[in-house]
């Protein structure tokens, strides 16, 4: 049995908007990556990849809680990609107010706890997650 796909047109548009803002800041382009890669974008200049980006869009503020968590599988993938390519992997989180904060997903310290969502009645939504101190995130303008 395959797992449901929760990504939809609206969430993909939101992620694309964040990627565009990161591109404007970094002077690069974003290539949406296939689902099998787990991270959302390859950030490139003239097709030469400079970094990888995972994007999350929230309906609250990243600072509503002391830590931000993301699936351990995403962090493992970021570390695997960074080790294989020597390129950095970032996490960009857009809060409800439109502010975007970023962190290096492959190098910043974290703790691991069981966490996830309870609103979709999906048992696979509970899993080991990496908790990053929100003080480590830097705003991009």
Protein backbone atom coordinates (compact mmCIF):
# COMPACT_ATOMS: atom_id res chain seq x y z
CA UNK A 1 0.00 0.00 0.00
CA UNK A 2 1.45 3.36 -0.99
CA UNK A 3 1.52 6.37 1.28
CA UNK A 4 -0.83 9.28 0.45
CA UNK A 5 0.75 12.34 -1.13
CA UNK A 6 -0.23 15.46 0.81
CA UNK A 7 1.53 17.96 -1.43
CA UNK A 8 -0.98 19.85 -3.59
CA UNK A 9 -0.97 22.74 -6.07
CA UNK A 10 -1.28 25.37 -3.34
CA UNK A 11 1.55 23.95 -1.23
CA UNK A 12 3.75 23.64 -4.33
CA UNK A 13 3.00 27.29 -5.25
CA UNK A 14 3.91 28.37 -1.70
CA UNK A 15 7.18 26.44 -1.84
CA UNK A 16 7.96 27.92 -5.25
CA UNK A 17 7.45 31.46 -3.90
CA UNK A 18 9.95 30.75 -1.11
CA UNK A 19 12.44 29.27 -3.58
CA UNK A 20 12.08 32.38 -5.77
CA UNK A 21 12.91 34.65 -2.81
CA UNK A 22 15.96 32.55 -1.96
CA UNK A 23 17.01 32.70 -5.63
CA UNK A 24 16.66 36.50 -5.63
CA UNK A 25 18.87 36.70 -2.52
CA UNK A 26 21.48 34.23 -3.79
CA UNK A 27 21.45 35.19 -7.49
CA UNK A 28 20.60 31.70 -8.69
CA UNK A 29 17.83 29.56 -10.16
CA UNK A 30 15.87 26.73 -8.55
CA UNK A 31 15.16 23.37 -10.14
CA UNK A 32 12.34 21.40 -8.51
CA UNK A 33 13.73 17.97 -7.68
CA UNK A 34 11.91 14.66 -8.13
CA UNK A 35 10.04 13.32 -5.09
CA UNK A 36 12.54 10.43 -4.76
CA UNK A 37 15.23 12.98 -3.77
CA UNK A 38 13.23 14.09 -0.68
CA UNK A 39 14.58 17.67 -0.75
CA UNK A 40 12.63 20.20 -2.78
CA UNK A 41 15.10 22.15 -4.94
CA UNK A 42 18.56 22.14 -6.48
CA UNK A 43 19.80 25.74 -6.46
CA UNK A 44 22.01 26.46 -9.46
CA UNK A 45 23.83 29.04 -11.54
CA UNK A 46 24.18 28.23 -15.23
CA UNK A 47 23.01 24.68 -14.41
CA UNK A 48 25.90 24.16 -11.96
CA UNK A 49 24.31 23.18 -8.64
CA UNK A 50 25.43 25.34 -5.72
CA UNK A 51 23.18 24.02 -2.92
CA UNK A 52 20.04 22.05 -2.12
CA UNK A 53 16.93 23.43 -0.45
CA UNK A 54 14.04 21.98 1.53
CA UNK A 55 11.10 24.38 1.91
CA UNK A 56 8.39 24.43 4.57
CA UNK A 57 5.52 26.91 4.76
CA UNK A 58 3.81 27.28 8.13
CA UNK A 59 0.54 28.78 9.33
CA UNK A 60 2.22 30.08 12.50
CA UNK A 61 5.54 31.71 13.36
CA UNK A 62 8.72 29.68 13.51
CA UNK A 63 9.29 31.42 16.88
CA UNK A 64 6.05 30.19 18.46
CA UNK A 65 8.06 27.25 19.79
CA UNK A 66 11.67 26.96 21.03
CA UNK A 67 12.54 24.35 18.39
CA UNK A 68 11.60 23.61 14.82
CA UNK A 69 11.32 19.96 13.88
CA UNK A 70 11.58 18.10 10.61
CA UNK A 71 11.60 14.43 9.71
CA UNK A 72 14.81 12.57 10.47
CA UNK A 73 14.57 11.05 6.99
CA UNK A 74 14.88 14.55 5.44
CA UNK A 75 17.94 15.34 7.55
CA UNK A 76 19.52 11.99 6.70
CA UNK A 77 18.92 12.69 3.01
CA UNK A 78 20.45 16.17 3.37
CA UNK A 79 23.53 14.71 5.05
CA UNK A 80 23.81 12.01 2.38
CA UNK A 81 23.56 14.56 -0.44
CA UNK A 82 26.05 16.91 1.23
CA UNK A 83 28.53 14.09 1.81
CA UNK A 84 28.21 12.81 -1.76
CA UNK A 85 28.39 16.21 -3.46
CA UNK A 86 30.24 18.46 -1.03
CA UNK A 87 27.37 20.94 -1.43
CA UNK A 88 25.34 22.48 1.40
CA UNK A 89 21.72 21.63 2.11
CA UNK A 90 19.44 24.26 3.59
CA UNK A 91 16.01 24.36 5.18
CA UNK A 92 13.90 27.46 4.50
CA UNK A 93 10.82 28.00 6.66
CA UNK A 94 8.23 30.64 5.79
CA UNK A 95 6.12 31.77 8.73
CA UNK A 96 2.51 32.96 8.43
CA UNK A 97 3.72 36.59 8.36
CA UNK A 98 5.80 35.87 5.23
CA UNK A 99 9.19 35.99 6.94
CA UNK A 100 11.63 33.33 5.73
CA UNK A 101 14.23 31.86 8.05
CA UNK A 102 16.96 29.43 7.02
CA UNK A 103 19.33 26.93 8.55
CA UNK A 104 21.96 24.52 7.25
CA UNK A 105 20.16 21.19 7.38
CA UNK A 106 23.30 19.10 7.00
CA UNK A 107 25.53 20.66 9.68
CA UNK A 108 23.53 22.28 12.51
CA UNK A 109 23.12 20.42 15.82
CA UNK A 110 19.79 18.83 16.70
CA UNK A 111 18.10 16.42 19.07
CA UNK A 112 15.93 13.50 17.98
CA UNK A 113 12.45 12.86 19.35
CA UNK A 114 9.29 11.13 18.21
CA UNK A 115 6.99 13.79 16.79
CA UNK A 116 4.66 14.53 13.92
CA UNK A 117 1.13 15.41 12.98
CA UNK A 118 -2.08 14.17 14.52
CA UNK A 119 -4.60 15.93 12.28
CA UNK A 120 -4.56 13.54 9.29
CA UNK A 121 -5.12 10.24 11.13
CA UNK A 122 -2.05 8.84 9.34
CA UNK A 123 0.06 6.59 11.58
CA UNK A 124 3.13 7.30 9.42
CA UNK A 125 2.94 10.98 10.44
CA UNK A 126 4.56 10.02 13.78
CA UNK A 127 8.25 9.33 13.34
CA UNK A 128 11.72 10.24 14.60
CA UNK A 129 12.22 13.95 13.98
CA UNK A 130 15.16 16.32 14.32
CA UNK A 131 14.61 19.33 16.58
CA UNK A 132 16.63 22.47 15.75
CA UNK A 133 16.83 25.43 18.14
CA UNK A 134 15.00 28.31 16.44
CA UNK A 135 17.79 30.67 17.54
CA UNK A 136 19.98 29.01 14.87
CA UNK A 137 17.71 30.17 12.02
CA UNK A 138 18.67 33.33 10.13
CA UNK A 139 16.11 35.54 8.39
CA UNK A 140 16.53 36.23 4.69
CA UNK A 141 15.18 39.52 3.43
